[in-house]
Amino acid sequence: PDVFYYGSNKFHRNLNKGEKLETLSGDLTNGKKEGKIPFGTLTTIVES
């Protein structure tokens, strides 16, 4: 439970309760698209 995951358009992880997140991936979406709300974002994270 000290391990915390977070998703922007990239995947982030911290091993100390979310203190300083480390970016572990590149863009996991199909890329930015212009619009009035952010698109090309992660929506779901599930660990086995």
ModelCIF file with pLDDT and N, C-alpha, C, O atoms, coordinates in Angstrom:
data_MODEL
#
_entry.id   MODEL 
#
_entity.id                         1 
_entity.type                       polymer 
_entity.pdbx_number_of_molecules   1 
#
_entity_poly.entity_id                      1 
_entity_poly.type                           'polypeptide(L)' 
_entity_poly.nstd_linkage                   no 
_entity_poly.nstd_monomer                   no 
_entity_poly.pdbx_seq_one_letter_code       PDVFYYGSNKFHRNLNKGEKLETLSGDLTNGKKEGKIPFGTLTTIVES 
_entity_poly.pdbx_seq_one_letter_code_can   PDVFYYGSNKFHRNLNKGEKLETLSGDLTNGKKEGKIPFGTLTTIVES 
_entity_poly.pdbx_strand_id                 A 
#
loop_
_entity_poly_seq.entity_id 
_entity_poly_seq.num 
_entity_poly_seq.mon_id 
_entity_poly_seq.hetero 
1 1  PRO n 
1 2  ASP n 
1 3  VAL n 
1 4  PHE n 
1 5  TYR n 
1 6  TYR n 
1 7  GLY n 
1 8  SER n 
1 9  ASN n 
1 10 LYS n 
1 11 PHE n 
1 12 HIS n 
1 13 ARG n 
1 14 ASN n 
1 15 LEU n 
1 16 ASN n 
1 17 LYS n 
1 18 GLY n 
1 19 GLU n 
1 20 LYS n 
1 21 LEU n 
1 22 GLU n 
1 23 THR n 
1 24 LEU n 
1 25 SER n 
1 26 GLY n 
1 27 ASP n 
1 28 LEU n 
1 29 THR n 
1 30 ASN n 
1 31 GLY n 
1 32 LYS n 
1 33 LYS n 
1 34 GLU n 
1 35 GLY n 
1 36 LYS n 
1 37 ILE n 
1 38 PRO n 
1 39 PHE n 
1 40 GLY n 
1 41 THR n 
1 42 LEU n 
1 43 THR n 
1 44 THR n 
1 45 ILE n 
1 46 VAL n 
1 47 GLU n 
1 48 SER n 
#
_struct_asym.id          A 
_struct_asym.entity_id   1 
#
loop_
_ma_qa_metric.id 
_ma_qa_metric.mode 
_ma_qa_metric.name 
_ma_qa_metric.software_group_id 
_ma_qa_metric.type 
1 global pLDDT . pLDDT 
2 local  pLDDT . pLDDT 
#
_ma_qa_metric_global.metric_id      1 
_ma_qa_metric_global.metric_value   94.67 
_ma_qa_metric_global.model_id       1 
_ma_qa_metric_global.ordinal_id     1 
#
loop_
_ma_qa_metric_local.label_asym_id 
_ma_qa_metric_local.label_comp_id 
_ma_qa_metric_local.label_seq_id 
_ma_qa_metric_local.metric_id 
_ma_qa_metric_local.metric_value 
_ma_qa_metric_local.model_id 
_ma_qa_metric_local.ordinal_id 
A PRO 1  2 94.00 1 1  
A ASP 2  2 97.00 1 2  
A VAL 3  2 98.00 1 3  
A PHE 4  2 98.00 1 4  
A TYR 5  2 98.00 1 5  
A TYR 6  2 98.00 1 6  
A GLY 7  2 98.00 1 7  
A SER 8  2 98.00 1 8  
A ASN 9  2 97.00 1 9  
A LYS 10 2 98.00 1 10 
A PHE 11 2 98.00 1 11 
A HIS 12 2 98.00 1 12 
A ARG 13 2 98.00 1 13 
A ASN 14 2 97.00 1 14 
A LEU 15 2 97.00 1 15 
A ASN 16 2 96.00 1 16 
A LYS 17 2 95.00 1 17 
A GLY 18 2 95.00 1 18 
A GLU 19 2 91.00 1 19 
A LYS 20 2 91.00 1 20 
A LEU 21 2 96.00 1 21 
A GLU 22 2 96.00 1 22 
A THR 23 2 97.00 1 23 
A LEU 24 2 97.00 1 24 
A SER 25 2 97.00 1 25 
A GLY 26 2 96.00 1 26 
A ASP 27 2 97.00 1 27 
A LEU 28 2 98.00 1 28 
A THR 29 2 98.00 1 29 
A ASN 30 2 97.00 1 30 
A GLY 31 2 94.00 1 31 
A LYS 32 2 90.00 1 32 
A LYS 33 2 89.00 1 33 
A GLU 34 2 81.00 1 34 
A GLY 35 2 78.00 1 35 
A LYS 36 2 73.00 1 36 
A ILE 37 2 81.00 1 37 
A PRO 38 2 89.00 1 38 
A PHE 39 2 93.00 1 39 
A GLY 40 2 96.00 1 40 
A THR 41 2 97.00 1 41 
A LEU 42 2 98.00 1 42 
A THR 43 2 97.00 1 43 
A THR 44 2 97.00 1 44 
A ILE 45 2 98.00 1 45 
A VAL 46 2 98.00 1 46 
A GLU 47 2 98.00 1 47 
A SER 48 2 98.00 1 48 
#
loop_
_atom_site.group_PDB 
_atom_site.id 
_atom_site.type_symbol 
_atom_site.label_atom_id 
_atom_site.label_alt_id 
_atom_site.label_comp_id 
_atom_site.label_asym_id 
_atom_site.label_entity_id 
_atom_site.label_seq_id 
_atom_site.pdbx_PDB_ins_code 
_atom_site.Cartn_x 
_atom_site.Cartn_y 
_atom_site.Cartn_z 
_atom_site.occupancy 
_atom_site.B_iso_or_equiv 
_atom_site.pdbx_formal_charge 
_atom_site.auth_seq_id 
_atom_site.auth_comp_id 
_atom_site.auth_asym_id 
_atom_site.auth_atom_id 
_atom_site.pdbx_PDB_model_num 
ATOM 1   N N  . PRO A 1 1  ? 0.787   -1.244 0.000   1.00 94.00 ? 1  PRO A N  1 
ATOM 2   C CA . PRO A 1 1  ? 0.000   0.000  0.000   1.00 94.00 ? 1  PRO A CA 1 
ATOM 3   C C  . PRO A 1 1  ? 0.816   1.289  0.000   1.00 94.00 ? 1  PRO A C  1 
ATOM 4   O O  . PRO A 1 1  ? 0.229   2.370  -0.053  1.00 94.00 ? 1  PRO A O  1 
ATOM 5   N N  . ASP A 1 2  ? 2.149   1.220  0.058   1.00 97.00 ? 2  ASP A N  1 
ATOM 6   C CA . ASP A 1 2  ? 2.953   2.419  -0.148  1.00 97.00 ? 2  ASP A CA 1 
ATOM 7   C C  . ASP A 1 2  ? 3.093   2.751  -1.629  1.00 97.00 ? 2  ASP A C  1 
ATOM 8   O O  . ASP A 1 2  ? 3.510   3.852  -1.986  1.00 97.00 ? 2  ASP A O  1 
ATOM 9   N N  . VAL A 1 3  ? 2.742   1.792  -2.494  1.00 98.00 ? 3  VAL A N  1 
ATOM 10  C CA . VAL A 1 3  ? 2.916   1.942  -3.943  1.00 98.00 ? 3  VAL A CA 1 
ATOM 11  C C  . VAL A 1 3  ? 1.662   2.582  -4.532  1.00 98.00 ? 3  VAL A C  1 
ATOM 12  O O  . VAL A 1 3  ? 0.552   2.067  -4.394  1.00 98.00 ? 3  VAL A O  1 
ATOM 13  N N  . PHE A 1 4  ? 1.871   3.706  -5.183  1.00 98.00 ? 4  PHE A N  1 
ATOM 14  C CA . PHE A 1 4  ? 0.768   4.504  -5.702  1.00 98.00 ? 4  PHE A CA 1 
ATOM 15  C C  . PHE A 1 4  ? 0.958   4.716  -7.200  1.00 98.00 ? 4  PHE A C  1 
ATOM 16  O O  . PHE A 1 4  ? 2.040   5.096  -7.648  1.00 98.00 ? 4  PHE A O  1 
ATOM 17  N N  . TYR A 1 5  ? -0.103  4.466  -7.974  1.00 98.00 ? 5  TYR A N  1 
ATOM 18  C CA . TYR A 1 5  ? -0.072  4.652  -9.427  1.00 98.00 ? 5  TYR A CA 1 
ATOM 19  C C  . TYR A 1 5  ? -0.992  5.824  -9.818  1.00 98.00 ? 5  TYR A C  1 
ATOM 20  O O  . TYR A 1 5  ? -1.991  6.108  -9.158  1.00 98.00 ? 5  TYR A O  1 
ATOM 21  N N  . TYR A 1 6  ? -0.610  6.490  -10.922 1.00 98.00 ? 6  TYR A N  1 
ATOM 22  C CA . TYR A 1 6  ? -1.341  7.674  -11.376 1.00 98.00 ? 6  TYR A CA 1 
ATOM 23  C C  . TYR A 1 6  ? -1.252  7.735  -12.901 1.00 98.00 ? 6  TYR A C  1 
ATOM 24  O O  . TYR A 1 6  ? -0.214  7.414  -13.478 1.00 98.00 ? 6  TYR A O  1 
ATOM 25  N N  . GLY A 1 7  ? -2.343  8.149  -13.553 1.00 98.00 ? 7  GLY A N  1 
ATOM 26  C CA . GLY A 1 7  ? -2.335  8.222  -15.005 1.00 98.00 ? 7  GLY A CA 1 
ATOM 27  C C  . GLY A 1 7  ? -2.707  9.583  -15.550 1.00 98.00 ? 7  GLY A C  1 
ATOM 28  O O  . GLY A 1 7  ? -3.807  10.070 -15.290 1.00 98.00 ? 7  GLY A O  1 
ATOM 29  N N  . SER A 1 8  ? -1.815  10.209 -16.300 1.00 98.00 ? 8  SER A N  1 
ATOM 30  C CA . SER A 1 8  ? -2.145  11.399 -17.084 1.00 98.00 ? 8  SER A CA 1 
ATOM 31  C C  . SER A 1 8  ? -2.354  10.890 -18.509 1.00 98.00 ? 8  SER A C  1 
ATOM 32  O O  . SER A 1 8  ? -3.237  10.060 -18.727 1.00 98.00 ? 8  SER A O  1 
ATOM 33  N N  . ASN A 1 9  ? -1.584  11.353 -19.476 1.00 97.00 ? 9  ASN A N  1 
ATOM 34  C CA . ASN A 1 9  ? -1.480  10.633 -20.735 1.00 97.00 ? 9  ASN A CA 1 
ATOM 35  C C  . ASN A 1 9  ? -0.296  9.667  -20.671 1.00 97.00 ? 9  ASN A C  1 
ATOM 36  O O  . ASN A 1 9  ? -0.041  8.892  -21.592 1.00 97.00 ? 9  ASN A O  1 
ATOM 37  N N  . LYS A 1 10 ? 0.424   9.749  -19.529 1.00 98.00 ? 10 LYS A N  1 
ATOM 38  C CA . LYS A 1 10 ? 1.525   8.840  -19.254 1.00 98.00 ? 10 LYS A CA 1 
ATOM 39  C C  . LYS A 1 10 ? 1.243   8.095  -17.948 1.00 98.00 ? 10 LYS A C  1 
ATOM 40  O O  . LYS A 1 10 ? 0.297   8.417  -17.229 1.00 98.00 ? 10 LYS A O  1 
ATOM 41  N N  . PHE A 1 11 ? 2.070   7.105  -17.658 1.00 98.00 ? 11 PHE A N  1 
ATOM 42  C CA . PHE A 1 11 ? 1.900   6.297  -16.452 1.00 98.00 ? 11 PHE A CA 1 
ATOM 43  C C  . PHE A 1 11 ? 2.940   6.717  -15.415 1.00 98.00 ? 11 PHE A C  1 
ATOM 44  O O  . PHE A 1 11 ? 4.133   6.790  -15.710 1.00 98.00 ? 11 PHE A O  1 
ATOM 45  N N  . HIS A 1 12 ? 2.473   6.991  -14.204 1.00 98.00 ? 12 HIS A N  1 
ATOM 46  C CA . HIS A 1 12 ? 3.345   7.469  -13.137 1.00 98.00 ? 12 HIS A CA 1 
ATOM 47  C C  . HIS A 1 12 ? 3.236   6.545  -11.929 1.00 98.00 ? 12 HIS A C  1 
ATOM 48  O O  . HIS A 1 12 ? 2.194   5.937  -11.683 1.00 98.00 ? 12 HIS A O  1 
ATOM 49  N N  . ARG A 1 13 ? 4.337   6.452  -11.180 1.00 98.00 ? 13 ARG A N  1 
ATOM 50  C CA . ARG A 1 13 ? 4.353   5.578  -9.999  1.00 98.00 ? 13 ARG A CA 1 
ATOM 51  C C  . ARG A 1 13 ? 5.209   6.210  -8.909  1.00 98.00 ? 13 ARG A C  1 
ATOM 52  O O  . ARG A 1 13 ? 6.172   6.924  -9.189  1.00 98.00 ? 13 ARG A O  1 
ATOM 53  N N  . ASN A 1 14 ? 4.837   5.934  -7.661  1.00 97.00 ? 14 ASN A N  1 
ATOM 54  C CA . ASN A 1 14 ? 5.658   6.319  -6.525  1.00 97.00 ? 14 ASN A CA 1 
ATOM 55  C C  . ASN A 1 14 ? 5.649   5.184  -5.516  1.00 97.00 ? 14 ASN A C  1 
ATOM 56  O O  . ASN A 1 14 ? 4.627   4.525  -5.326  1.00 97.00 ? 14 ASN A O  1 
ATOM 57  N N  . LEU A 1 15 ? 6.781   4.955  -4.872  1.00 97.00 ? 15 LEU A N  1 
ATOM 58  C CA . LEU A 1 15 ? 6.904   3.860  -3.905  1.00 97.00 ? 15 LEU A CA 1 
ATOM 59  C C  . LEU A 1 15 ? 6.779   4.339  -2.470  1.00 97.00 ? 15 LEU A C  1 
ATOM 60  O O  . LEU A 1 15 ? 6.976   3.563  -1.536  1.00 97.00 ? 15 LEU A O  1 
ATOM 61  N N  . ASN A 1 16 ? 6.448   5.629  -2.286  1.00 96.00 ? 16 ASN A N  1 
ATOM 62  C CA . ASN A 1 16 ? 6.365   6.189  -0.944  1.00 96.00 ? 16 ASN A CA 1 
ATOM 63  C C  . ASN A 1 16 ? 5.106   7.046  -0.783  1.00 96.00 ? 16 ASN A C  1 
ATOM 64  O O  . ASN A 1 16 ? 5.194   8.242  -0.504  1.00 96.00 ? 16 ASN A O  1 
ATOM 65  N N  . LYS A 1 17 ? 3.952   6.435  -0.956  1.00 95.00 ? 17 LYS A N  1 
ATOM 66  C CA . LYS A 1 17 ? 2.652   7.060  -0.683  1.00 95.00 ? 17 LYS A CA 1 
ATOM 67  C C  . LYS A 1 17 ? 2.387   8.303  -1.532  1.00 95.00 ? 17 LYS A C  1 
ATOM 68  O O  . LYS A 1 17 ? 1.758   9.259  -1.078  1.00 95.00 ? 17 LYS A O  1 
ATOM 69  N N  . GLY A 1 18 ? 2.878   8.270  -2.766  1.00 95.00 ? 18 GLY A N  1 
ATOM 70  C CA . GLY A 1 18 ? 2.580   9.349  -3.696  1.00 95.00 ? 18 GLY A CA 1 
ATOM 71  C C  . GLY A 1 18 ? 3.388   10.607 -3.529  1.00 95.00 ? 18 GLY A C  1 
ATOM 72  O O  . GLY A 1 18 ? 3.049   11.631 -4.122  1.00 95.00 ? 18 GLY A O  1 
ATOM 73  N N  . GLU A 1 19 ? 4.451   10.572 -2.740  1.00 91.00 ? 19 GLU A N  1 
ATOM 74  C CA . GLU A 1 19 ? 5.201   11.795 -2.420  1.00 91.00 ? 19 GLU A CA 1 
ATOM 75  C C  . GLU A 1 19 ? 5.764   12.487 -3.654  1.00 91.00 ? 19 GLU A C  1 
ATOM 76  O O  . GLU A 1 19 ? 5.497   13.669 -3.868  1.00 91.00 ? 19 GLU A O  1 
ATOM 77  N N  . LYS A 1 20 ? 6.536   11.777 -4.470  1.00 91.00 ? 20 LYS A N  1 
ATOM 78  C CA . LYS A 1 20 ? 7.104   12.346 -5.687  1.00 91.00 ? 20 LYS A CA 1 
ATOM 79  C C  . LYS A 1 20 ? 6.961   11.318 -6.798  1.00 91.00 ? 20 LYS A C  1 
ATOM 80  O O  . LYS A 1 20 ? 7.696   10.332 -6.844  1.00 91.00 ? 20 LYS A O  1 
ATOM 81  N N  . LEU A 1 21 ? 6.022   11.553 -7.680  1.00 96.00 ? 21 LEU A N  1 
ATOM 82  C CA . LEU A 1 21 ? 5.724   10.582 -8.727  1.00 96.00 ? 21 LEU A CA 1 
ATOM 83  C C  . LEU A 1 21 ? 6.827   10.541 -9.782  1.00 96.00 ? 21 LEU A C  1 
ATOM 84  O O  . LEU A 1 21 ? 7.369   11.571 -10.181 1.00 96.00 ? 21 LEU A O  1 
ATOM 85  N N  . GLU A 1 22 ? 7.139   9.344  -10.213 1.00 96.00 ? 22 GLU A N  1 
ATOM 86  C CA . GLU A 1 22 ? 8.114   9.098  -11.274 1.00 96.00 ? 22 GLU A CA 1 
ATOM 87  C C  . GLU A 1 22 ? 7.367   8.694  -12.538 1.00 96.00 ? 22 GLU A C  1 
ATOM 88  O O  . GLU A 1 22 ? 6.498   7.822  -12.498 1.00 96.00 ? 22 GLU A O  1 
ATOM 89  N N  . THR A 1 23 ? 7.700   9.320  -13.649 1.00 97.00 ? 23 THR A N  1 
ATOM 90  C CA . THR A 1 23 ? 7.063   8.997  -14.927 1.00 97.00 ? 23 THR A CA 1 
ATOM 91  C C  . THR A 1 23 ? 7.747   7.777  -15.521 1.00 97.00 ? 23 THR A C  1 
ATOM 92  O O  . THR A 1 23 ? 8.946   7.809  -15.798 1.00 97.00 ? 23 THR A O  1 
ATOM 93  N N  . LEU A 1 24 ? 6.991   6.699  -15.718 1.00 97.00 ? 24 LEU A N  1 
ATOM 94  C CA . LEU A 1 24 ? 7.579   5.433  -16.167 1.00 97.00 ? 24 LEU A CA 1 
ATOM 95  C C  . LEU A 1 24 ? 7.317   5.126  -17.636 1.00 97.00 ? 24 LEU A C  1 
ATOM 96  O O  . LEU A 1 24 ? 7.885   4.174  -18.170 1.00 97.00 ? 24 LEU A O  1 
ATOM 97  N N  . SER A 1 25 ? 6.471   5.907  -18.302 1.00 97.00 ? 25 SER A N  1 
ATOM 98  C CA . SER A 1 25 ? 6.145   5.578  -19.693 1.00 97.00 ? 25 SER A CA 1 
ATOM 99  C C  . SER A 1 25 ? 6.143   6.838  -20.543 1.00 97.00 ? 25 SER A C  1 
ATOM 100 O O  . SER A 1 25 ? 6.188   7.959  -20.036 1.00 97.00 ? 25 SER A O  1 
ATOM 101 N N  . GLY A 1 26 ? 6.091   6.620  -21.842 1.00 96.00 ? 26 GLY A N  1 
ATOM 102 C CA . GLY A 1 26 ? 5.804   7.708  -22.762 1.00 96.00 ? 26 GLY A CA 1 
ATOM 103 C C  . GLY A 1 26 ? 4.300   7.874  -22.876 1.00 96.00 ? 26 GLY A C  1 
ATOM 104 O O  . GLY A 1 26 ? 3.544   7.389  -22.034 1.00 96.00 ? 26 GLY A O  1 
ATOM 105 N N  . ASP A 1 27 ? 3.877   8.558  -23.914 1.00 97.00 ? 27 ASP A N  1 
ATOM 106 C CA . ASP A 1 27 ? 2.450   8.773  -24.140 1.00 97.00 ? 27 ASP A CA 1 
ATOM 107 C C  . ASP A 1 27 ? 1.793   7.432  -24.493 1.00 97.00 ? 27 ASP A C  1 
ATOM 108 O O  . ASP A 1 27 ? 2.153   6.799  -25.486 1.00 97.00 ? 27 ASP A O  1 
ATOM 109 N N  . LEU A 1 28 ? 0.835   7.011  -23.677 1.00 98.00 ? 28 LEU A N  1 
ATOM 110 C CA . LEU A 1 28 ? 0.153   5.732  -23.902 1.00 98.00 ? 28 LEU A CA 1 
ATOM 111 C C  . LEU A 1 28 ? -1.147  5.896  -24.677 1.00 98.00 ? 28 LEU A C  1 
ATOM 112 O O  . LEU A 1 28 ? -1.911  4.942  -24.824 1.00 98.00 ? 28 LEU A O  1 
ATOM 113 N N  . THR A 1 29 ? -1.402  7.114  -25.176 1.00 98.00 ? 29 THR A N  1 
ATOM 114 C CA . THR A 1 29 ? -2.597  7.369  -25.976 1.00 98.00 ? 29 THR A CA 1 
ATOM 115 C C  . THR A 1 29 ? -2.196  7.527  -27.436 1.00 98.00 ? 29 THR A C  1 
ATOM 116 O O  . THR A 1 29 ? -1.036  7.333  -27.798 1.00 98.00 ? 29 THR A O  1 
ATOM 117 N N  . ASN A 1 30 ? -3.164  7.879  -28.262 1.00 97.00 ? 30 ASN A N  1 
ATOM 118 C CA . ASN A 1 30 ? -2.866  8.121  -29.674 1.00 97.00 ? 30 ASN A CA 1 
ATOM 119 C C  . ASN A 1 30 ? -2.416  9.550  -29.944 1.00 97.00 ? 30 ASN A C  1 
ATOM 120 O O  . ASN A 1 30 ? -2.269  9.961  -31.095 1.00 97.00 ? 30 ASN A O  1 
ATOM 121 N N  . GLY A 1 31 ? -2.199  10.301 -28.869 1.00 94.00 ? 31 GLY A N  1 
ATOM 122 C CA . GLY A 1 31 ? -1.654  11.636 -29.024 1.00 94.00 ? 31 GLY A CA 1 
ATOM 123 C C  . GLY A 1 31 ? -2.684  12.724 -28.824 1.00 94.00 ? 31 GLY A C  1 
ATOM 124 O O  . GLY A 1 31 ? -3.887  12.469 -28.770 1.00 94.00 ? 31 GLY A O  1 
ATOM 125 N N  . LYS A 1 32 ? -2.185  13.941 -28.715 1.00 90.00 ? 32 LYS A N  1 
ATOM 126 C CA . LYS A 1 32 ? -3.021  15.109 -28.453 1.00 90.00 ? 32 LYS A CA 1 
ATOM 127 C C  . LYS A 1 32 ? -3.925  15.425 -29.639 1.00 90.00 ? 32 LYS A C  1 
ATOM 128 O O  . LYS A 1 32 ? -3.522  15.312 -30.797 1.00 90.00 ? 32 LYS A O  1 
ATOM 129 N N  . LYS A 1 33 ? -5.151  15.821 -29.325 1.00 89.00 ? 33 LYS A N  1 
ATOM 130 C CA . LYS A 1 33 ? -6.054  16.356 -30.328 1.00 89.00 ? 33 LYS A CA 1 
ATOM 131 C C  . LYS A 1 33 ? -6.583  17.695 -29.825 1.00 89.00 ? 33 LYS A C  1 
ATOM 132 O O  . LYS A 1 33 ? -6.868  17.859 -28.639 1.00 89.00 ? 33 LYS A O  1 
ATOM 133 N N  . GLU A 1 34 ? -6.708  18.640 -30.737 1.00 81.00 ? 34 GLU A N  1 
ATOM 134 C CA . GLU A 1 34 ? -7.199  19.953 -30.350 1.00 81.00 ? 34 GLU A CA 1 
ATOM 135 C C  . GLU A 1 34 ? -8.664  19.871 -29.941 1.00 81.00 ? 34 GLU A C  1 
ATOM 136 O O  . GLU A 1 34 ? -9.440  19.122 -30.535 1.00 81.00 ? 34 GLU A O  1 
ATOM 137 N N  . GLY A 1 35 ? -9.029  20.627 -28.947 1.00 78.00 ? 35 GLY A N  1 
ATOM 138 C CA . GLY A 1 35 ? -10.414 20.641 -28.497 1.00 78.00 ? 35 GLY A CA 1 
ATOM 139 C C  . GLY A 1 35 ? -10.546 21.472 -27.249 1.00 78.00 ? 35 GLY A C  1 
ATOM 140 O O  . GLY A 1 35 ? -9.569  22.036 -26.755 1.00 78.00 ? 35 GLY A O  1 
ATOM 141 N N  . LYS A 1 36 ? -11.753 21.546 -26.742 1.00 73.00 ? 36 LYS A N  1 
ATOM 142 C CA . LYS A 1 36 ? -12.033 22.382 -25.589 1.00 73.00 ? 36 LYS A CA 1 
ATOM 143 C C  . LYS A 1 36 ? -11.912 21.636 -24.263 1.00 73.00 ? 36 LYS A C  1 
ATOM 144 O O  . LYS A 1 36 ? -12.068 22.239 -23.201 1.00 73.00 ? 36 LYS A O  1 
ATOM 145 N N  . ILE A 1 37 ? -11.638 20.347 -24.312 1.00 81.00 ? 37 ILE A N  1 
ATOM 146 C CA . ILE A 1 37 ? -11.319 19.583 -23.109 1.00 81.00 ? 37 ILE A CA 1 
ATOM 147 C C  . ILE A 1 37 ? -10.146 18.678 -23.450 1.00 81.00 ? 37 ILE A C  1 
ATOM 148 O O  . ILE A 1 37 ? -9.954  18.352 -24.621 1.00 81.00 ? 37 ILE A O  1 
ATOM 149 N N  . PRO A 1 38 ? -9.354  18.260 -22.466 1.00 89.00 ? 38 PRO A N  1 
ATOM 150 C CA . PRO A 1 38 ? -8.221  17.376 -22.760 1.00 89.00 ? 38 PRO A CA 1 
ATOM 151 C C  . PRO A 1 38 ? -8.704  16.055 -23.359 1.00 89.00 ? 38 PRO A C  1 
ATOM 152 O O  . PRO A 1 38 ? -9.673  15.466 -22.882 1.00 89.00 ? 38 PRO A O  1 
ATOM 153 N N  . PHE A 1 39 ? -8.029  15.604 -24.392 1.00 93.00 ? 39 PHE A N  1 
ATOM 154 C CA . PHE A 1 39 ? -8.328  14.313 -25.021 1.00 93.00 ? 39 PHE A CA 1 
ATOM 155 C C  . PHE A 1 39 ? -7.002  13.633 -25.332 1.00 93.00 ? 39 PHE A C  1 
ATOM 156 O O  . PHE A 1 39 ? -5.985  14.282 -25.573 1.00 93.00 ? 39 PHE A O  1 
ATOM 157 N N  . GLY A 1 40 ? -7.049  12.288 -25.319 1.00 96.00 ? 40 GLY A N  1 
ATOM 158 C CA . GLY A 1 40 ? -5.819  11.531 -25.374 1.00 96.00 ? 40 GLY A CA 1 
ATOM 159 C C  . GLY A 1 40 ? -5.271  11.420 -23.971 1.00 96.00 ? 40 GLY A C  1 
ATOM 160 O O  . GLY A 1 40 ? -4.138  11.813 -23.697 1.00 96.00 ? 40 GLY A O  1 
ATOM 161 N N  . THR A 1 41 ? -6.104  10.870 -23.071 1.00 97.00 ? 41 THR A N  1 
ATOM 162 C CA . THR A 1 41 ? -5.759  10.765 -21.649 1.00 97.00 ? 41 THR A CA 1 
ATOM 163 C C  . THR A 1 41 ? -6.058  9.357  -21.149 1.00 97.00 ? 41 THR A C  1 
ATOM 164 O O  . THR A 1 41 ? -6.883  8.649  -21.725 1.00 97.00 ? 41 THR A O  1 
ATOM 165 N N  . LEU A 1 42 ? -5.387  8.957  -20.080 1.00 98.00 ? 42 LEU A N  1 
ATOM 166 C CA . LEU A 1 42 ? -5.699  7.680  -19.451 1.00 98.00 ? 42 LEU A CA 1 
ATOM 167 C C  . LEU A 1 42 ? -6.954  7.830  -18.598 1.00 98.00 ? 42 LEU A C  1 
ATOM 168 O O  . LEU A 1 42 ? -7.168  8.864  -17.964 1.00 98.00 ? 42 LEU A O  1 
ATOM 169 N N  . THR A 1 43 ? -7.774  6.794  -18.589 1.00 97.00 ? 43 THR A N  1 
ATOM 170 C CA . THR A 1 43 ? -9.035  6.816  -17.844 1.00 97.00 ? 43 THR A CA 1 
ATOM 171 C C  . THR A 1 43 ? -9.128  5.716  -16.795 1.00 97.00 ? 43 THR A C  1 
ATOM 172 O O  . THR A 1 43 ? -9.938  5.814  -15.873 1.00 97.00 ? 43 THR A O  1 
ATOM 173 N N  . THR A 1 44 ? -8.317  4.673  -16.920 1.00 97.00 ? 44 THR A N  1 
ATOM 174 C CA . THR A 1 44 ? -8.445  3.514  -16.029 1.00 97.00 ? 44 THR A CA 1 
ATOM 175 C C  . THR A 1 44 ? -7.080  2.936  -15.700 1.00 97.00 ? 44 THR A C  1 
ATOM 176 O O  . THR A 1 44 ? -6.228  2.778  -16.575 1.00 97.00 ? 44 THR A O  1 
ATOM 177 N N  . ILE A 1 45 ? -6.883  2.622  -14.419 1.00 98.00 ? 45 ILE A N  1 
ATOM 178 C CA . ILE A 1 45 ? -5.704  1.878  -13.968 1.00 98.00 ? 45 ILE A CA 1 
ATOM 179 C C  . ILE A 1 45 ? -6.183  0.763  -13.057 1.00 98.00 ? 45 ILE A C  1 
ATOM 180 O O  . ILE A 1 45 ? -6.958  1.006  -12.132 1.00 98.00 ? 45 ILE A O  1 
ATOM 181 N N  . VAL A 1 46 ? -5.729  -0.457 -13.311 1.00 98.00 ? 46 VAL A N  1 
ATOM 182 C CA . VAL A 1 46 ? -6.061  -1.592 -12.451 1.00 98.00 ? 46 VAL A CA 1 
ATOM 183 C C  . VAL A 1 46 ? -4.825  -2.476 -12.305 1.00 98.00 ? 46 VAL A C  1 
ATOM 184 O O  . VAL A 1 46 ? -4.207  -2.869 -13.295 1.00 98.00 ? 46 VAL A O  1 
ATOM 185 N N  . GLU A 1 47 ? -4.478  -2.781 -11.064 1.00 98.00 ? 47 GLU A N  1 
ATOM 186 C CA . GLU A 1 47 ? -3.404  -3.741 -10.813 1.00 98.00 ? 47 GLU A CA 1 
ATOM 187 C C  . GLU A 1 47 ? -4.017  -5.092 -10.479 1.00 98.00 ? 47 GLU A C  1 
ATOM 188 O O  . GLU A 1 47 ? -5.037  -5.165 -9.792  1.00 98.00 ? 47 GLU A O  1 
ATOM 189 N N  . SER A 1 48 ? -3.401  -6.149 -10.959 1.00 98.00 ? 48 SER A N  1 
ATOM 190 C CA . SER A 1 48 ? -3.883  -7.499 -10.690 1.00 98.00 ? 48 SER A CA 1 
ATOM 191 C C  . SER A 1 48 ? -3.954  -7.753 -9.190  1.00 98.00 ? 48 SER A C  1 
ATOM 192 O O  . SER A 1 48 ? -4.340  -8.842 -8.766  1.00 98.00 ? 48 SER A O  1 
#
